[in-house]
PDB file of N, CA and C in Angstrom:
ATOM      1  N   MET A   1      96.202 -20.685  42.993  1.00  0.00           N
ATOM      2  CA  MET A   1      95.504 -20.315  44.055  1.00  0.00           C
ATOM      3  C   MET A   1      96.584 -21.036  45.758  1.00  0.00           C
ATOM      4  N   GLN A   2      95.900 -20.504  46.549  1.00  0.00           N
ATOM      5  CA  GLN A   2      97.127 -21.354  47.635  1.00  0.00           C
ATOM      6  C   GLN A   2      96.332 -22.172  48.263  1.00  0.00           C
ATOM      7  N   GLN A   3      97.388 -22.958  49.393  1.00  0.00           N
ATOM      8  CA  GLN A   3      96.679 -23.866  49.844  1.00  0.00           C
ATOM      9  C   GLN A   3      96.718 -24.300  51.422  1.00  0.00           C
ATOM     10  N   LEU A   4      95.550 -24.901  51.681  1.00  0.00           N
ATOM     11  CA  LEU A   4      94.902 -23.697  53.078  1.00  0.00           C
ATOM     12  C   LEU A   4      95.818 -24.746  53.694  1.00  0.00           C
ATOM     13  N   GLU A   5      95.807 -23.969  54.743  1.00  0.00           N
ATOM     14  CA  GLU A   5      97.014 -24.732  55.813  1.00  0.00           C
ATOM     15  C   GLU A   5      95.865 -24.874  56.767  1.00  0.00           C
ATOM     16  N   ILE A   6      95.982 -27.089  57.448  1.00  0.00           N
ATOM     17  CA  ILE A   6      94.312 -27.225  58.219  1.00  0.00           C
ATOM     18  C   ILE A   6      95.479 -27.140  59.729  1.00  0.00           C
ATOM     19  N   PHE A   7      96.066 -27.197  59.968  1.00  0.00           N
ATOM     20  CA  PHE A   7      96.634 -26.529  61.634  1.00  0.00           C
ATOM     21  C   PHE A   7      97.364 -24.613  61.208  1.00  0.00           C
ATOM     22  N   HIS A   8      96.976 -23.901  62.835  1.00  0.00           N
ATOM     23  CA  HIS A   8      97.594 -22.888  62.911  1.00  0.00           C
ATOM     24  C   HIS A   8      98.630 -23.692  63.268  1.00  0.00           C
ATOM     25  N   ILE A   9     100.020 -22.391  62.276  1.00  0.00           N
ATOM     26  CA  ILE A   9     101.586 -22.193  61.902  1.00  0.00           C
ATOM     27  C   ILE A   9     101.952 -21.189  63.646  1.00  0.00           C
ATOM     28  N   ASP A  10     102.579 -22.409  64.969  1.00  0.00           N
ATOM     29  CA  ASP A  10     103.183 -20.967  66.095  1.00  0.00           C
ATOM     30  C   ASP A  10     104.450 -20.765  65.121  1.00  0.00           C
ATOM     31  N   SER A  11     105.056 -20.004  67.025  1.00  0.00           N
ATOM     32  CA  SER A  11     105.595 -18.820  66.300  1.00  0.00           C
ATOM     33  C   SER A  11     107.231 -20.002  66.161  1.00  0.00           C
ATOM     34  N   PRO A  12     107.863 -20.013  66.236  1.00  0.00           N
ATOM     35  CA  PRO A  12     109.043 -21.293  65.775  1.00  0.00           C
ATOM     36  C   PRO A  12     109.966 -20.545  67.595  1.00  0.00           C
ATOM     37  N   CYS A  13     110.036 -19.225  68.287  1.00  0.00           N
ATOM     38  CA  CYS A  13     110.848 -18.986  69.523  1.00  0.00           C
ATOM     39  C   CYS A  13     111.021 -19.719  69.905  1.00  0.00           C
ATOM     40  N   ILE A  14     112.109 -20.187  70.136  1.00  0.00           N
ATOM     41  CA  ILE A  14     112.571 -20.892  71.605  1.00  0.00           C
ATOM     42  C   ILE A  14     113.257 -20.550  72.768  1.00  0.00           C
ATOM     43  N   GLY A  15     113.235 -18.468  72.577  1.00  0.00           N
ATOM     44  CA  GLY A  15     112.987 -18.483  73.985  1.00  0.00           C
ATOM     45  C   GLY A  15     115.055 -17.723  73.674  1.00  0.00           C
ATOM     46  N   ILE A  16     115.910 -17.946  73.026  1.00  0.00           N
ATOM     47  CA  ILE A  16     116.953 -17.351  73.219  1.00  0.00           C
ATOM     48  C   ILE A  16     116.694 -16.373  71.670  1.00  0.00           C
ATOM     49  N   CYS A  17     116.825 -15.125  71.999  1.00  0.00           N
ATOM     50  CA  CYS A  17     116.224 -14.219  71.168  1.00  0.00           C
ATOM     51  C   CYS A  17     117.307 -13.190  71.226  1.00  0.00           C
ATOM     52  N   GLN A  18     118.797 -13.477  70.902  1.00  0.00           N
ATOM     53  CA  GLN A  18     119.725 -12.635  70.043  1.00  0.00           C
ATOM     54  C   GLN A  18     120.464 -13.261  68.717  1.00  0.00           C
ATOM     55  N   SER A  19     120.635 -11.671  68.255  1.00  0.00           N
ATOM     56  CA  SER A  19     121.095 -11.588  66.565  1.00  0.00           C
ATOM     57  C   SER A  19     121.860 -12.028  66.604  1.00  0.00           C
ATOM     58  N   GLY A  20     121.898 -13.235  65.290  1.00  0.00           N
ATOM     59  CA  GLY A  20     123.845 -14.053  65.809  1.00  0.00           C
ATOM     60  C   GLY A  20     124.273 -12.637  64.625  1.00  0.00           C
ATOM     61  N   PRO A  21     125.860 -13.751  63.993  1.00  0.00           N
ATOM     62  CA  PRO A  21     126.357 -12.487  62.492  1.00  0.00           C
ATOM     63  C   PRO A  21     125.842 -11.423  61.865  1.00  0.00           C
ATOM     64  N   ARG A  22     125.041 -13.015  60.839  1.00  0.00           N
ATOM     65  CA  ARG A  22     124.884 -12.891  59.788  1.00  0.00           C
ATOM     66  C   ARG A  22     122.986 -11.991  60.198  1.00  0.00           C
ATOM     67  N   GLY A  23     122.276 -11.471  61.046  1.00  0.00           N
ATOM     68  CA  GLY A  23     121.619 -10.748  61.266  1.00  0.00           C
ATOM     69  C   GLY A  23     120.306 -12.086  61.903  1.00  0.00           C
ATOM     70  N   TYR A  24     120.071 -12.689  61.742  1.00  0.00           N
ATOM     71  CA  TYR A  24     119.538 -13.832  62.387  1.00  0.00           C
ATOM     72  C   TYR A  24     119.047 -14.040  63.347  1.00  0.00           C
ATOM     73  N   CYS A  25     117.949 -14.904  64.019  1.00  0.00           N
ATOM     74  CA  CYS A  25     117.878 -15.172  65.868  1.00  0.00           C
ATOM     75  C   CYS A  25     118.656 -16.202  65.615  1.00  0.00           C
ATOM     76  N   LEU A  26     119.875 -16.215  67.197  1.00  0.00           N
ATOM     77  CA  LEU A  26     120.494 -17.376  66.844  1.00  0.00           C
ATOM     78  C   LEU A  26     119.131 -18.201  67.719  1.00  0.00           C
ATOM     79  N   GLY A  27     118.221 -18.534  68.328  1.00  0.00           N
ATOM     80  CA  GLY A  27     117.436 -19.518  68.443  1.00  0.00           C
ATOM     81  C   GLY A  27     116.183 -19.502  67.318  1.00  0.00           C
ATOM     82  N   CYS A  28     115.766 -19.558  66.567  1.00  0.00           N
ATOM     83  CA  CYS A  28     115.218 -19.881  65.675  1.00  0.00           C
ATOM     84  C   CYS A  28     115.165 -19.591  65.104  1.00  0.00           C
ATOM     85  N   TYR A  29     116.450 -18.251  64.073  1.00  0.00           N
ATOM     86  CA  TYR A  29     116.949 -18.562  62.402  1.00  0.00           C
ATOM     87  C   TYR A  29     115.984 -17.798  61.825  1.00  0.00           C
ATOM     88  N   ARG A  30     115.103 -16.585  62.706  1.00  0.00           N
ATOM     89  CA  ARG A  30     114.325 -15.134  61.481  1.00  0.00           C
ATOM     90  C   ARG A  30     115.257 -14.321  61.422  1.00  0.00           C
ATOM     91  N   SER A  31     115.015 -13.468  60.605  1.00  0.00           N
ATOM     92  CA  SER A  31     114.994 -12.281  60.928  1.00  0.00           C
ATOM     93  C   SER A  31     114.627 -11.334  61.657  1.00  0.00           C
ATOM     94  N   ARG A  32     115.379  -9.908  61.679  1.00  0.00           N
ATOM     95  CA  ARG A  32     114.634  -9.161  62.301  1.00  0.00           C
ATOM     96  C   ARG A  32     113.314  -9.052  61.846  1.00  0.00           C
ATOM     97  N   GLU A  33     113.194  -8.663  60.594  1.00  0.00           N
ATOM     98  CA  GLU A  33     111.294  -8.429  60.333  1.00  0.00           C
ATOM     99  C   GLU A  33     111.469  -9.596  59.971  1.00  0.00           C
ATOM    100  N   GLU A  34     110.992 -10.746  60.184  1.00  0.00           N
ATOM    101  CA  GLU A  34     110.117 -11.862  60.188  1.00  0.00           C
ATOM    102  C   GLU A  34     109.256 -11.909  61.376  1.00  0.00           C
ATOM    103  N   ARG A  35     110.415 -11.728  62.965  1.00  0.00           N
ATOM    104  CA  ARG A  35     110.380 -11.815  63.762  1.00  0.00           C
ATOM    105  C   ARG A  35     108.927 -10.575  64.418  1.00  0.00           C
ATOM    106  N   LEU A  36     109.603  -9.165  63.441  1.00  0.00           N
ATOM    107  CA  LEU A  36     108.364  -7.963  63.069  1.00  0.00           C
ATOM    108  C   LEU A  36     106.895  -8.829  63.922  1.00  0.00           C
ATOM    109  N   HIS A  37     106.891  -8.969  62.066  1.00  0.00           N
ATOM    110  CA  HIS A  37     105.360  -9.279  61.828  1.00  0.00           C
ATOM    111  C   HIS A  37     105.097 -10.363  61.276  1.00  0.00           C
ATOM    112  N   TRP A  38     105.793 -11.449  62.512  1.00  0.00           N
ATOM    113  CA  TRP A  38     104.788 -12.622  62.666  1.00  0.00           C
ATOM    114  C   TRP A  38     104.073 -13.682  62.640  1.00  0.00           C
ATOM    115  N   ILE A  39     103.296 -12.139  63.582  1.00  0.00           N
ATOM    116  CA  ILE A  39     101.122 -12.233  63.916  1.00  0.00           C
ATOM    117  C   ILE A  39     101.406 -11.298  62.964  1.00  0.00           C
ATOM    118  N   ASN A  40     101.548 -10.492  61.993  1.00  0.00           N
ATOM    119  CA  ASN A  40     100.549 -10.529  60.803  1.00  0.00           C
ATOM    120  C   ASN A  40     100.779 -11.294  59.372  1.00  0.00           C
ATOM    121  N   LEU A  41     100.816 -12.195  59.115  1.00  0.00           N
ATOM    122  CA  LEU A  41     102.106 -13.191  58.144  1.00  0.00           C
ATOM    123  C   LEU A  41     100.214 -14.514  58.300  1.00  0.00           C
ATOM    124  N   ASP A  42     100.248 -15.009  57.490  1.00  0.00           N
ATOM    125  CA  ASP A  42      99.346 -16.004  57.009  1.00  0.00           C
ATOM    126  C   ASP A  42     100.332 -16.830  56.978  1.00  0.00           C
ATOM    127  N   ASP A  43      99.539 -18.323  57.456  1.00  0.00           N
ATOM    128  CA  ASP A  43     100.308 -19.151  57.035  1.00  0.00           C
ATOM    129  C   ASP A  43     100.880 -19.443  55.948  1.00  0.00           C
ATOM    130  N   HIS A  44     100.969 -19.323  55.662  1.00  0.00           N
ATOM    131  CA  HIS A  44     101.543 -19.547  53.602  1.00  0.00           C
ATOM    132  C   HIS A  44     102.321 -19.215  53.384  1.00  0.00           C
ATOM    133  N   VAL A  45     102.279 -17.565  54.257  1.00  0.00           N
ATOM    134  CA  VAL A  45     104.431 -17.147  54.239  1.00  0.00           C
ATOM    135  C   VAL A  45     105.300 -17.807  55.551  1.00  0.00           C
ATOM    136  N   LYS A  46     104.355 -17.732  56.189  1.00  0.00           N
ATOM    137  CA  LYS A  46     104.630 -19.259  57.644  1.00  0.00           C
ATOM    138  C   LYS A  46     105.108 -20.296  57.330  1.00  0.00           C
ATOM    139  N   SER A  47     104.755 -20.171  56.931  1.00  0.00           N
ATOM    140  CA  SER A  47     105.270 -22.094  56.244  1.00  0.00           C
ATOM    141  C   SER A  47     106.762 -22.110  55.768  1.00  0.00           C
ATOM    142  N   LYS A  48     106.533 -21.540  54.689  1.00  0.00           N
ATOM    143  CA  LYS A  48     107.799 -20.497  53.412  1.00  0.00           C
ATOM    144  C   LYS A  48     109.016 -20.198  54.960  1.00  0.00           C
ATOM    145  N   ILE A  49     108.970 -19.459  56.089  1.00  0.00           N
ATOM    146  CA  ILE A  49     109.654 -18.822  56.979  1.00  0.00           C
ATOM    147  C   ILE A  49     110.064 -19.920  57.264  1.00  0.00           C
ATOM    148  N   VAL A  50     109.780 -21.362  57.875  1.00  0.00           N
ATOM    149  CA  VAL A  50     109.706 -22.014  59.053  1.00  0.00           C
ATOM    150  C   VAL A  50     110.548 -23.107  57.813  1.00  0.00           C
ATOM    151  N   LYS A  51     110.702 -23.418  57.031  1.00  0.00           N
ATOM    152  CA  LYS A  51     111.406 -24.428  56.326  1.00  0.00           C
ATOM    153  C   LYS A  51     112.837 -23.238  55.765  1.00  0.00           C
ATOM    154  N   ALA A  52     113.090 -21.766  55.622  1.00  0.00           N
ATOM    155  CA  ALA A  52     114.078 -20.710  55.453  1.00  0.00           C
ATOM    156  C   ALA A  52     114.737 -21.320  56.429  1.00  0.00           C
ATOM    157  N   CYS A  53     113.676 -21.010  57.542  1.00  0.00           N
ATOM    158  CA  CYS A  53     114.939 -20.918  58.660  1.00  0.00           C
ATOM    159  C   CYS A  53     115.659 -22.448  58.934  1.00  0.00           C
ATOM    160  N   ALA A  54     114.582 -23.571  58.460  1.00  0.00           N
ATOM    161  CA  ALA A  54     115.534 -24.489  58.857  1.00  0.00           C
ATOM    162  C   ALA A  54     116.929 -24.977  58.128  1.00  0.00           C
ATOM    163  N   LEU A  55     116.244 -24.122  57.072  1.00  0.00           N
ATOM    164  CA  LEU A  55     117.770 -24.602  56.399  1.00  0.00           C
ATOM    165  C   LEU A  55     118.835 -23.464  56.064  1.00  0.00           C
ATOM    166  N   ARG A  56     118.545 -22.437  56.585  1.00  0.00           N
ATOM    167  CA  ARG A  56     119.988 -20.837  57.758  1.00  0.00           C
ATOM    168  C   ARG A  56     120.390 -22.414  58.372  1.00  0.00           C
ATOM    169  N   LYS A  57     119.464 -22.993  59.442  1.00  0.00           N
ATOM    170  CA  LYS A  57     119.847 -23.730  60.592  1.00  0.00           C
ATOM    171  C   LYS A  57     121.675 -25.128  60.486  1.00  0.00           C
ATOM    172  N   LYS A  58     120.486 -25.573  59.335  1.00  0.00           N
ATOM    173  CA  LYS A  58     121.124 -26.381  58.731  1.00  0.00           C
ATOM    174  C   LYS A  58     122.309 -25.776  58.048  1.00  0.00           C
ATOM    175  N   ARG A  59     122.313 -25.149  57.611  1.00  0.00           N
ATOM    176  CA  ARG A  59     123.796 -24.285  57.283  1.00  0.00           C
ATOM    177  C   ARG A  59     124.860 -23.514  58.064  1.00  0.00           C
ATOM    178  N   ALA A  60     123.912 -23.302  58.799  1.00  0.00           N
ATOM    179  CA  ALA A  60     124.908 -22.391  60.879  1.00  0.00           C
ATOM    180  C   ALA A  60     125.198 -23.223  60.783  1.00  0.00           C
ATOM    181  N   PHE A  61     124.656 -24.796  61.398  1.00  0.00           N
ATOM    182  CA  PHE A  61     125.743 -25.597  61.682  1.00  0.00           C
ATOM    183  C   PHE A  61     126.878 -26.641  61.242  1.00  0.00           C
ATOM    184  N   ALA A  62     126.413 -26.482  59.329  1.00  0.00           N
ATOM    185  CA  ALA A  62     127.516 -26.960  59.047  1.00  0.00           C
ATOM    186  C   ALA A  62     128.977 -26.283  58.835  1.00  0.00           C
ATOM    187  N   ARG A  63     128.833 -24.493  58.099  1.00  0.00           N
ATOM    188  CA  ARG A  63     129.385 -23.315  58.427  1.00  0.00           C
ATOM    189  C   ARG A  63     130.395 -23.784  60.858  1.00  0.00           C
ATOM    190  N   LYS A  64     129.616 -24.417  61.314  1.00  0.00           N
ATOM    191  CA  LYS A  64     129.969 -23.926  62.391  1.00  0.00           C
ATOM    192  C   LYS A  64     131.328 -25.498  63.199  1.00  0.00           C
ATOM    193  N   ARG A  65     130.015 -26.706  61.963  1.00  0.00           N
ATOM    194  CA  ARG A  65     131.274 -28.167  61.728  1.00  0.00           C
ATOM    195  C   ARG A  65     132.765 -27.998  61.237  1.00  0.00           C
ATOM    196  N   SER A  66     132.558 -26.845  60.268  1.00  0.00           N
ATOM    197  CA  SER A  66     133.429 -26.835  59.394  1.00  0.00           C
ATOM    198  C   SER A  66     134.736 -25.802  59.838  1.00  0.00           C
ATOM    199  N   ALA A  67     134.738 -24.886  60.285  1.00  0.00           N
ATOM    200  CA  ALA A  67     135.400 -23.758  60.967  1.00  0.00           C
ATOM    201  C   ALA A  67     135.981 -24.661  61.622  1.00  0.00           C
ATOM    202  N   GLU A  68     135.577 -25.394  62.862  1.00  0.00           N
ATOM    203  CA  GLU A  68     135.598 -26.564  64.642  1.00  0.00           C
ATOM    204  C   GLU A  68     136.597 -27.634  63.875  1.00  0.00           C
ATOM    205  N   THR A  69     136.532 -27.990  62.652  1.00  0.00           N
ATOM    206  CA  THR A  69     137.667 -28.808  61.044  1.00  0.00           C
ATOM    207  C   THR A  69     138.401 -28.710  61.069  1.00  0.00           C
ATOM    208  N   VAL A  70     139.579 -29.343  62.533  1.00  0.00           N
ATOM    209  CA  VAL A  70     140.881 -28.971  62.388  1.00  0.00           C
ATOM    210  C   VAL A  70     141.533 -30.064  62.024  1.00  0.00           C
ATOM    211  N   ILE A  71     142.223 -29.816  60.368  1.00  0.00           N
ATOM    212  CA  ILE A  71     143.423 -30.834  59.742  1.00  0.00           C
ATOM    213  C   ILE A  71     144.188 -30.915  60.613  1.00  0.00           C
ATOM    214  N   TYR A  72     145.204 -31.958  61.121  1.00  0.00           N
ATOM    215  CA  TYR A  72     146.079 -32.389  62.231  1.00  0.00           C
ATOM    216  C   TYR A  72     146.763 -32.349  61.068  1.00  0.00           C
ATOM    217  N   GLU A  73     147.755 -31.803  59.969  1.00  0.00           N
ATOM    218  CA  GLU A  73     148.410 -33.638  59.380  1.00  0.00           C
ATOM    219  C   GLU A  73     149.914 -33.744  60.615  1.00  0.00           C
ATOM    220  N   ASP A  74     150.346 -34.965  61.037  1.00  0.00           N
ATOM    221  CA  ASP A  74     150.837 -35.525  61.131  1.00  0.00           C
ATOM    222  C   ASP A  74     152.834 -35.305  60.940  1.00  0.00           C
ATOM    223  N   PRO A  75     153.600 -34.764  62.207  1.00  0.00           N
ATOM    224  CA  PRO A  75     154.865 -34.433  61.078  1.00  0.00           C
ATOM    225  C   PRO A  75     155.122 -35.878  60.443  1.00  0.00           C
ATOM    226  N   VAL A  76     156.385 -35.679  59.538  1.00  0.00           N
ATOM    227  CA  VAL A  76     156.714 -37.608  59.288  1.00  0.00           C
ATOM    228  C   VAL A  76     158.187 -38.082  60.946  1.00  0.00           C
ATOM    229  N   GLN A  77     157.072 -38.875  61.191  1.00  0.00           N
ATOM    230  CA  GLN A  77     157.350 -39.802  62.412  1.00  0.00           C
ATOM    231  C   GLN A  77     158.735 -40.826  61.895  1.00  0.00           C
ATOM    232  N   GLY A  78     160.043 -40.712  62.284  1.00  0.00           N
ATOM    233  CA  GLY A  78     160.783 -41.335  61.742  1.00  0.00           C
ATOM    234  C   GLY A  78     160.447 -43.023  62.606  1.00  0.00           C
ATOM    235  N   ASP A  79     160.792 -44.252  62.548  1.00  0.00           N
ATOM    236  CA  ASP A  79     160.678 -45.974  63.257  1.00  0.00           C
ATOM    237  C   ASP A  79     160.772 -45.724  64.928  1.00  0.00           C
ATOM    238  N   LEU A  80     160.071 -45.889  65.499  1.00  0.00           N
ATOM    239  CA  LEU A  80     160.611 -46.166  67.067  1.00  0.00           C
ATOM    240  C   LEU A  80     162.094 -46.833  67.221  1.00  0.00           C
ATOM    241  N   LEU A  81     162.489 -47.879  66.122  1.00  0.00           N
ATOM    242  CA  LEU A  81     163.458 -48.694  66.895  1.00  0.00           C
ATOM    243  C   LEU A  81     164.925 -48.054  65.845  1.00  0.00           C
ATOM    244  N   ASP A  82     164.725 -47.466  64.877  1.00  0.00           N
ATOM    245  CA  ASP A  82     166.113 -46.298  64.741  1.00  0.00           C
ATOM    246  C   ASP A  82     166.653 -46.073  65.607  1.00  0.00           C
TER     247      ASP A  82
END
């Protein structure tokens, strides 16, 4: 049995409508199909998509952080008083 949604689920679109390298929108992290059919989906499916988008966003930021993290290895530094 589906749980009834009390509130209407609005589109997660934030107006940055560009596809990223994995095919998801860089603004809301929905796939092309999810964006295309959003208006026809019931609230139960919309809720699942919003949760999936949050997970996609979290993973994208984690990938970005790990790519930006540069491990700096300090060369062996001699004593300043030698």
